[in-house]
């Protein structure tokens, strides 16, 4: 089973890297982008086929290592 975990800063947290990317896009003449928020993506291969167990495992991994839940949120998606 495959899953994708996306970790992003909470909306209330300043994102200096996103602002830098935003400025770089403007300097390249790329228009039509109002704002940029950056994040991390983890593609995970999981053993077994129990989706509920896989989700519980990924939530545990996010809470303990992959995301700093004080300032970040995470989203888990299963990939077919």
PDB file of N, CA and C in Angstrom:
ATOM      1  N   UNK A   1       0.849  -1.171   0.000  1.00  0.00           N
ATOM      2  CA  UNK A   1       0.000   0.000   0.000  1.00  0.00           C
ATOM      3  C   UNK A   1       0.896   1.236   0.000  1.00  0.00           C
ATOM      4  N   UNK A   2       0.481   2.225  -0.745  1.00  0.00           N
ATOM      5  CA  UNK A   2       1.250   3.467  -0.829  1.00  0.00           C
ATOM      6  C   UNK A   2       0.426   4.633  -0.298  1.00  0.00           C
ATOM      7  N   UNK A   3       1.129   5.550   0.338  1.00  0.00           N
ATOM      8  CA  UNK A   3       0.472   6.749   0.857  1.00  0.00           C
ATOM      9  C   UNK A   3       1.384   7.946   0.648  1.00  0.00           C
ATOM     10  N   UNK A   4       0.758   9.099   0.627  1.00  0.00           N
ATOM     11  CA  UNK A   4       1.494  10.365   0.550  1.00  0.00           C
ATOM     12  C   UNK A   4       1.087  11.208   1.745  1.00  0.00           C
ATOM     13  N   UNK A   5       2.098  11.684   2.480  1.00  0.00           N
ATOM     14  CA  UNK A   5       1.877  12.552   3.629  1.00  0.00           C
ATOM     15  C   UNK A   5       2.391  13.935   3.247  1.00  0.00           C
ATOM     16  N   UNK A   6       1.521  14.931   3.335  1.00  0.00           N
ATOM     17  CA  UNK A   6       1.886  16.303   3.026  1.00  0.00           C
ATOM     18  C   UNK A   6       1.870  17.099   4.328  1.00  0.00           C
ATOM     19  N   UNK A   7       2.996  17.744   4.613  1.00  0.00           N
ATOM     20  CA  UNK A   7       3.148  18.520   5.840  1.00  0.00           C
ATOM     21  C   UNK A   7       3.336  19.984   5.449  1.00  0.00           C
ATOM     22  N   UNK A   8       2.512  20.862   6.019  1.00  0.00           N
ATOM     23  CA  UNK A   8       2.626  22.296   5.733  1.00  0.00           C
ATOM     24  C   UNK A   8       2.547  23.087   7.033  1.00  0.00           C
ATOM     25  N   UNK A   9       3.062  24.289   6.986  1.00  0.00           N
ATOM     26  CA  UNK A   9       2.954  25.171   8.140  1.00  0.00           C
ATOM     27  C   UNK A   9       1.496  25.576   8.342  1.00  0.00           C
ATOM     28  N   UNK A  10       1.099  25.732   9.584  1.00  0.00           N
ATOM     29  CA  UNK A  10      -0.244  26.224   9.868  1.00  0.00           C
ATOM     30  C   UNK A  10      -0.381  27.625   9.285  1.00  0.00           C
ATOM     31  N   UNK A  11      -1.592  27.997   8.921  1.00  0.00           N
ATOM     32  CA  UNK A  11      -1.815  29.279   8.239  1.00  0.00           C
ATOM     33  C   UNK A  11      -1.403  30.479   9.083  1.00  0.00           C
ATOM     34  N   UNK A  12      -1.419  30.357  10.395  1.00  0.00           N
ATOM     35  CA  UNK A  12      -1.050  31.473  11.268  1.00  0.00           C
ATOM     36  C   UNK A  12       0.464  31.630  11.427  1.00  0.00           C
ATOM     37  N   UNK A  13       1.230  30.669  10.912  1.00  0.00           N
ATOM     38  CA  UNK A  13       2.683  30.679  11.070  1.00  0.00           C
ATOM     39  C   UNK A  13       3.325  31.346   9.844  1.00  0.00           C
ATOM     40  N   UNK A  14       4.209  32.296  10.090  1.00  0.00           N
ATOM     41  CA  UNK A  14       4.932  32.971   9.013  1.00  0.00           C
ATOM     42  C   UNK A  14       5.765  31.965   8.238  1.00  0.00           C
ATOM     43  N   UNK A  15       5.758  32.061   6.909  1.00  0.00           N
ATOM     44  CA  UNK A  15       6.490  31.144   6.037  1.00  0.00           C
ATOM     45  C   UNK A  15       7.535  31.924   5.234  1.00  0.00           C
ATOM     46  N   UNK A  16       8.728  32.160   5.808  1.00  0.00           N
ATOM     47  CA  UNK A  16       9.730  32.954   5.107  1.00  0.00           C
ATOM     48  C   UNK A  16      10.218  32.308   3.810  1.00  0.00           C
ATOM     49  N   UNK A  17      10.284  30.996   3.775  1.00  0.00           N
ATOM     50  CA  UNK A  17      10.721  30.326   2.543  1.00  0.00           C
ATOM     51  C   UNK A  17       9.668  30.516   1.445  1.00  0.00           C
ATOM     52  N   UNK A  18       8.408  30.420   1.805  1.00  0.00           N
ATOM     53  CA  UNK A  18       7.344  30.672   0.838  1.00  0.00           C
ATOM     54  C   UNK A  18       7.396  32.091   0.304  1.00  0.00           C
ATOM     55  N   UNK A  19       7.659  33.052   1.202  1.00  0.00           N
ATOM     56  CA  UNK A  19       7.774  34.458   0.771  1.00  0.00           C
ATOM     57  C   UNK A  19       8.965  34.640  -0.173  1.00  0.00           C
ATOM     58  N   UNK A  20      10.075  33.964   0.096  1.00  0.00           N
ATOM     59  CA  UNK A  20      11.251  34.052  -0.774  1.00  0.00           C
ATOM     60  C   UNK A  20      10.938  33.476  -2.156  1.00  0.00           C
ATOM     61  N   UNK A  21      10.230  32.370  -2.189  1.00  0.00           N
ATOM     62  CA  UNK A  21       9.837  31.762  -3.467  1.00  0.00           C
ATOM     63  C   UNK A  21       8.906  32.701  -4.223  1.00  0.00           C
ATOM     64  N   UNK A  22       7.972  33.280  -3.503  1.00  0.00           N
ATOM     65  CA  UNK A  22       7.043  34.254  -4.087  1.00  0.00           C
ATOM     66  C   UNK A  22       7.806  35.402  -4.754  1.00  0.00           C
ATOM     67  N   UNK A  23       8.791  35.954  -4.046  1.00  0.00           N
ATOM     68  CA  UNK A  23       9.595  37.043  -4.597  1.00  0.00           C
ATOM     69  C   UNK A  23      10.407  36.604  -5.801  1.00  0.00           C
ATOM     70  N   UNK A  24      10.951  35.393  -5.748  1.00  0.00           N
ATOM     71  CA  UNK A  24      11.732  34.878  -6.878  1.00  0.00           C
ATOM     72  C   UNK A  24      10.858  34.701  -8.115  1.00  0.00           C
ATOM     73  N   UNK A  25       9.646  34.221  -7.933  1.00  0.00           N
ATOM     74  CA  UNK A  25       8.728  34.071  -9.067  1.00  0.00           C
ATOM     75  C   UNK A  25       8.434  35.421  -9.709  1.00  0.00           C
ATOM     76  N   UNK A  26       8.197  36.430  -8.857  1.00  0.00           N
ATOM     77  CA  UNK A  26       7.950  37.786  -9.386  1.00  0.00           C
ATOM     78  C   UNK A  26       9.158  38.297 -10.162  1.00  0.00           C
ATOM     79  N   UNK A  27      10.357  38.060  -9.608  1.00  0.00           N
ATOM     80  CA  UNK A  27      11.562  38.549 -10.290  1.00  0.00           C
ATOM     81  C   UNK A  27      11.799  37.838 -11.619  1.00  0.00           C
ATOM     82  N   UNK A  28      11.257  36.639 -11.770  1.00  0.00           N
ATOM     83  CA  UNK A  28      11.350  35.916 -13.039  1.00  0.00           C
ATOM     84  C   UNK A  28      10.263  36.335 -14.022  1.00  0.00           C
ATOM     85  N   UNK A  29       9.392  37.238 -13.577  1.00  0.00           N
ATOM     86  CA  UNK A  29       8.329  37.729 -14.445  1.00  0.00           C
ATOM     87  C   UNK A  29       7.110  36.818 -14.490  1.00  0.00           C
ATOM     88  N   UNK A  30       7.042  35.853 -13.586  1.00  0.00           N
ATOM     89  CA  UNK A  30       5.887  34.955 -13.536  1.00  0.00           C
ATOM     90  C   UNK A  30       4.767  35.670 -12.786  1.00  0.00           C
ATOM     91  N   UNK A  31       3.636  35.836 -13.461  1.00  0.00           N
ATOM     92  CA  UNK A  31       2.529  36.601 -12.890  1.00  0.00           C
ATOM     93  C   UNK A  31       1.347  35.707 -12.586  1.00  0.00           C
ATOM     94  N   UNK A  32       0.436  36.205 -11.769  1.00  0.00           N
ATOM     95  CA  UNK A  32      -0.796  35.497 -11.474  1.00  0.00           C
ATOM     96  C   UNK A  32      -0.737  34.635 -10.227  1.00  0.00           C
ATOM     97  N   UNK A  33       0.377  34.668  -9.511  1.00  0.00           N
ATOM     98  CA  UNK A  33       0.495  33.911  -8.261  1.00  0.00           C
ATOM     99  C   UNK A  33       0.427  34.902  -7.114  1.00  0.00           C
ATOM    100  N   UNK A  34      -0.594  34.764  -6.275  1.00  0.00           N
ATOM    101  CA  UNK A  34      -0.791  35.697  -5.167  1.00  0.00           C
ATOM    102  C   UNK A  34       0.090  35.379  -3.971  1.00  0.00           C
ATOM    103  N   UNK A  35       0.233  34.095  -3.643  1.00  0.00           N
ATOM    104  CA  UNK A  35       1.060  33.733  -2.491  1.00  0.00           C
ATOM    105  C   UNK A  35       1.543  32.293  -2.634  1.00  0.00           C
ATOM    106  N   UNK A  36       2.599  31.979  -1.900  1.00  0.00           N
ATOM    107  CA  UNK A  36       3.188  30.639  -1.911  1.00  0.00           C
ATOM    108  C   UNK A  36       3.404  30.199  -0.474  1.00  0.00           C
ATOM    109  N   UNK A  37       3.019  28.970  -0.163  1.00  0.00           N
ATOM    110  CA  UNK A  37       3.323  28.329   1.119  1.00  0.00           C
ATOM    111  C   UNK A  37       4.082  27.057   0.767  1.00  0.00           C
ATOM    112  N   UNK A  38       5.214  26.845   1.378  1.00  0.00           N
ATOM    113  CA  UNK A  38       5.998  25.652   1.086  1.00  0.00           C
ATOM    114  C   UNK A  38       5.745  24.584   2.130  1.00  0.00           C
ATOM    115  N   UNK A  39       6.102  23.353   1.803  1.00  0.00           N
ATOM    116  CA  UNK A  39       5.900  22.253   2.732  1.00  0.00           C
ATOM    117  C   UNK A  39       6.794  21.075   2.393  1.00  0.00           C
ATOM    118  N   UNK A  40       6.455  19.926   2.961  1.00  0.00           N
ATOM    119  CA  UNK A  40       7.207  18.696   2.735  1.00  0.00           C
ATOM    120  C   UNK A  40       6.234  17.615   2.280  1.00  0.00           C
ATOM    121  N   UNK A  41       6.729  16.715   1.428  1.00  0.00           N
ATOM    122  CA  UNK A  41       5.933  15.581   0.972  1.00  0.00           C
ATOM    123  C   UNK A  41       6.719  14.306   1.234  1.00  0.00           C
ATOM    124  N   UNK A  42       6.049  13.326   1.833  1.00  0.00           N
ATOM    125  CA  UNK A  42       6.646  12.020   2.090  1.00  0.00           C
ATOM    126  C   UNK A  42       5.827  10.974   1.345  1.00  0.00           C
ATOM    127  N   UNK A  43       6.463  10.220   0.448  1.00  0.00           N
ATOM    128  CA  UNK A  43       5.818   9.084  -0.193  1.00  0.00           C
ATOM    129  C   UNK A  43       6.229   7.849   0.588  1.00  0.00           C
ATOM    130  N   UNK A  44       5.247   7.111   1.093  1.00  0.00           N
ATOM    131  CA  UNK A  44       5.507   6.020   2.026  1.00  0.00           C
ATOM    132  C   UNK A  44       4.931   4.721   1.470  1.00  0.00           C
ATOM    133  N   UNK A  45       5.743   3.663   1.458  1.00  0.00           N
ATOM    134  CA  UNK A  45       5.273   2.316   1.142  1.00  0.00           C
ATOM    135  C   UNK A  45       4.994   1.610   2.456  1.00  0.00           C
ATOM    136  N   UNK A  46       3.801   1.066   2.581  1.00  0.00           N
ATOM    137  CA  UNK A  46       3.378   0.416   3.816  1.00  0.00           C
ATOM    138  C   UNK A  46       3.178  -1.080   3.595  1.00  0.00           C
ATOM    139  N   UNK A  47       3.561  -1.872   4.586  1.00  0.00           N
ATOM    140  CA  UNK A  47       3.333  -3.314   4.546  1.00  0.00           C
ATOM    141  C   UNK A  47       1.870  -3.594   4.866  1.00  0.00           C
ATOM    142  N   UNK A  48       1.330  -4.629   4.277  1.00  0.00           N
ATOM    143  CA  UNK A  48      -0.036  -5.029   4.583  1.00  0.00           C
ATOM    144  C   UNK A  48      -1.059  -4.297   3.757  1.00  0.00           C
ATOM    145  N   UNK A  49      -2.327  -4.643   3.985  1.00  0.00           N
ATOM    146  CA  UNK A  49      -3.409  -4.051   3.199  1.00  0.00           C
ATOM    147  C   UNK A  49      -4.533  -3.480   4.065  1.00  0.00           C
ATOM    148  N   UNK A  50      -4.340  -3.457   5.376  1.00  0.00           N
ATOM    149  CA  UNK A  50      -5.348  -2.907   6.285  1.00  0.00           C
ATOM    150  C   UNK A  50      -5.231  -1.387   6.307  1.00  0.00           C
ATOM    151  N   UNK A  51      -6.173  -0.731   5.644  1.00  0.00           N
ATOM    152  CA  UNK A  51      -6.110   0.726   5.501  1.00  0.00           C
ATOM    153  C   UNK A  51      -6.213   1.447   6.845  1.00  0.00           C
ATOM    154  N   UNK A  52      -7.070   0.963   7.722  1.00  0.00           N
ATOM    155  CA  UNK A  52      -7.228   1.597   9.032  1.00  0.00           C
ATOM    156  C   UNK A  52      -5.939   1.506   9.839  1.00  0.00           C
ATOM    157  N   UNK A  53      -5.288   0.350   9.800  1.00  0.00           N
ATOM    158  CA  UNK A  53      -4.020   0.184  10.511  1.00  0.00           C
ATOM    159  C   UNK A  53      -2.940   1.069   9.889  1.00  0.00           C
ATOM    160  N   UNK A  54      -2.914   1.144   8.561  1.00  0.00           N
ATOM    161  CA  UNK A  54      -1.937   1.984   7.867  1.00  0.00           C
ATOM    162  C   UNK A  54      -2.131   3.454   8.243  1.00  0.00           C
ATOM    163  N   UNK A  55      -3.373   3.895   8.299  1.00  0.00           N
ATOM    164  CA  UNK A  55      -3.649   5.289   8.671  1.00  0.00           C
ATOM    165  C   UNK A  55      -3.210   5.560  10.106  1.00  0.00           C
ATOM    166  N   UNK A  56      -3.476   4.622  11.004  1.00  0.00           N
ATOM    167  CA  UNK A  56      -3.057   4.783  12.404  1.00  0.00           C
ATOM    168  C   UNK A  56      -1.538   4.849  12.505  1.00  0.00           C
ATOM    169  N   UNK A  57      -0.840   4.010  11.735  1.00  0.00           N
ATOM    170  CA  UNK A  57       0.622   4.016  11.725  1.00  0.00           C
ATOM    171  C   UNK A  57       1.156   5.344  11.223  1.00  0.00           C
ATOM    172  N   UNK A  58       0.562   5.855  10.141  1.00  0.00           N
ATOM    173  CA  UNK A  58       1.014   7.130   9.579  1.00  0.00           C
ATOM    174  C   UNK A  58       0.722   8.297  10.513  1.00  0.00           C
ATOM    175  N   UNK A  59      -0.433   8.289  11.167  1.00  0.00           N
ATOM    176  CA  UNK A  59      -0.739   9.347  12.138  1.00  0.00           C
ATOM    177  C   UNK A  59       0.286   9.340  13.267  1.00  0.00           C
ATOM    178  N   UNK A  60       0.639   8.155  13.734  1.00  0.00           N
ATOM    179  CA  UNK A  60       1.652   8.037  14.782  1.00  0.00           C
ATOM    180  C   UNK A  60       2.993   8.583  14.292  1.00  0.00           C
ATOM    181  N   UNK A  61       3.362   8.232  13.060  1.00  0.00           N
ATOM    182  CA  UNK A  61       4.624   8.719  12.490  1.00  0.00           C
ATOM    183  C   UNK A  61       4.623  10.242  12.365  1.00  0.00           C
ATOM    184  N   UNK A  62       3.498  10.801  11.947  1.00  0.00           N
ATOM    185  CA  UNK A  62       3.394  12.259  11.810  1.00  0.00           C
ATOM    186  C   UNK A  62       3.481  12.943  13.164  1.00  0.00           C
ATOM    187  N   UNK A  63       2.749  12.436  14.123  1.00  0.00           N
ATOM    188  CA  UNK A  63       2.721  13.043  15.454  1.00  0.00           C
ATOM    189  C   UNK A  63       4.078  12.965  16.158  1.00  0.00           C
ATOM    190  N   UNK A  64       4.824  11.896  15.883  1.00  0.00           N
ATOM    191  CA  UNK A  64       6.077  11.683  16.603  1.00  0.00           C
ATOM    192  C   UNK A  64       7.318  12.159  15.860  1.00  0.00           C
ATOM    193  N   UNK A  65       7.258  12.249  14.511  1.00  0.00           N
ATOM    194  CA  UNK A  65       8.485  12.582  13.787  1.00  0.00           C
ATOM    195  C   UNK A  65       8.287  13.468  12.557  1.00  0.00           C
ATOM    196  N   UNK A  66       7.362  13.124  11.699  1.00  0.00           N
ATOM    197  CA  UNK A  66       7.290  13.790  10.396  1.00  0.00           C
ATOM    198  C   UNK A  66       6.819  15.234  10.454  1.00  0.00           C
ATOM    199  N   UNK A  67       5.984  15.571  11.426  1.00  0.00           N
ATOM    200  CA  UNK A  67       5.447  16.932  11.525  1.00  0.00           C
ATOM    201  C   UNK A  67       5.663  17.483  12.922  1.00  0.00           C
ATOM    202  N   UNK A  68       5.976  18.763  12.992  1.00  0.00           N
ATOM    203  CA  UNK A  68       6.007  19.472  14.266  1.00  0.00           C
ATOM    204  C   UNK A  68       4.599  20.029  14.448  1.00  0.00           C
ATOM    205  N   UNK A  69       3.764  19.309  15.169  1.00  0.00           N
ATOM    206  CA  UNK A  69       2.344  19.648  15.223  1.00  0.00           C
ATOM    207  C   UNK A  69       2.040  20.961  15.951  1.00  0.00           C
ATOM    208  N   UNK A  70       3.041  21.559  16.559  1.00  0.00           N
ATOM    209  CA  UNK A  70       2.842  22.883  17.156  1.00  0.00           C
ATOM    210  C   UNK A  70       2.677  23.926  16.053  1.00  0.00           C
ATOM    211  N   UNK A  71       3.448  23.792  14.980  1.00  0.00           N
ATOM    212  CA  UNK A  71       3.425  24.786  13.903  1.00  0.00           C
ATOM    213  C   UNK A  71       3.026  24.220  12.545  1.00  0.00           C
ATOM    214  N   UNK A  72       2.876  22.893  12.433  1.00  0.00           N
ATOM    215  CA  UNK A  72       2.578  22.274  11.142  1.00  0.00           C
ATOM    216  C   UNK A  72       1.315  21.415  11.219  1.00  0.00           C
ATOM    217  N   UNK A  73       0.683  21.267  10.062  1.00  0.00           N
ATOM    218  CA  UNK A  73      -0.424  20.334   9.908  1.00  0.00           C
ATOM    219  C   UNK A  73       0.004  19.279   8.905  1.00  0.00           C
ATOM    220  N   UNK A  74      -0.704  18.162   8.894  1.00  0.00           N
ATOM    221  CA  UNK A  74      -0.383  17.118   7.928  1.00  0.00           C
ATOM    222  C   UNK A  74      -1.662  16.545   7.331  1.00  0.00           C
ATOM    223  N   UNK A  75      -1.511  16.008   6.120  1.00  0.00           N
ATOM    224  CA  UNK A  75      -2.614  15.367   5.421  1.00  0.00           C
ATOM    225  C   UNK A  75      -2.117  14.035   4.891  1.00  0.00           C
ATOM    226  N   UNK A  76      -2.904  12.990   5.082  1.00  0.00           N
ATOM    227  CA  UNK A  76      -2.557  11.657   4.617  1.00  0.00           C
ATOM    228  C   UNK A  76      -3.486  11.292   3.465  1.00  0.00           C
ATOM    229  N   UNK A  77      -2.899  10.861   2.339  1.00  0.00           N
ATOM    230  CA  UNK A  77      -3.667  10.415   1.182  1.00  0.00           C
ATOM    231  C   UNK A  77      -3.144   9.039   0.786  1.00  0.00           C
ATOM    232  N   UNK A  78      -4.049   8.140   0.500  1.00  0.00           N
ATOM    233  CA  UNK A  78      -3.640   6.823   0.017  1.00  0.00           C
ATOM    234  C   UNK A  78      -3.640   6.848  -1.517  1.00  0.00           C
ATOM    235  N   UNK A  79      -2.584   6.302  -2.087  1.00  0.00           N
ATOM    236  CA  UNK A  79      -2.386   6.314  -3.535  1.00  0.00           C
ATOM    237  C   UNK A  79      -2.668   4.914  -4.065  1.00  0.00           C
ATOM    238  N   UNK A  80      -3.508   4.835  -5.071  1.00  0.00           N
ATOM    239  CA  UNK A  80      -3.824   3.519  -5.653  1.00  0.00           C
ATOM    240  C   UNK A  80      -2.727   3.007  -6.554  1.00  0.00           C
TER     241      UNK A  80
END
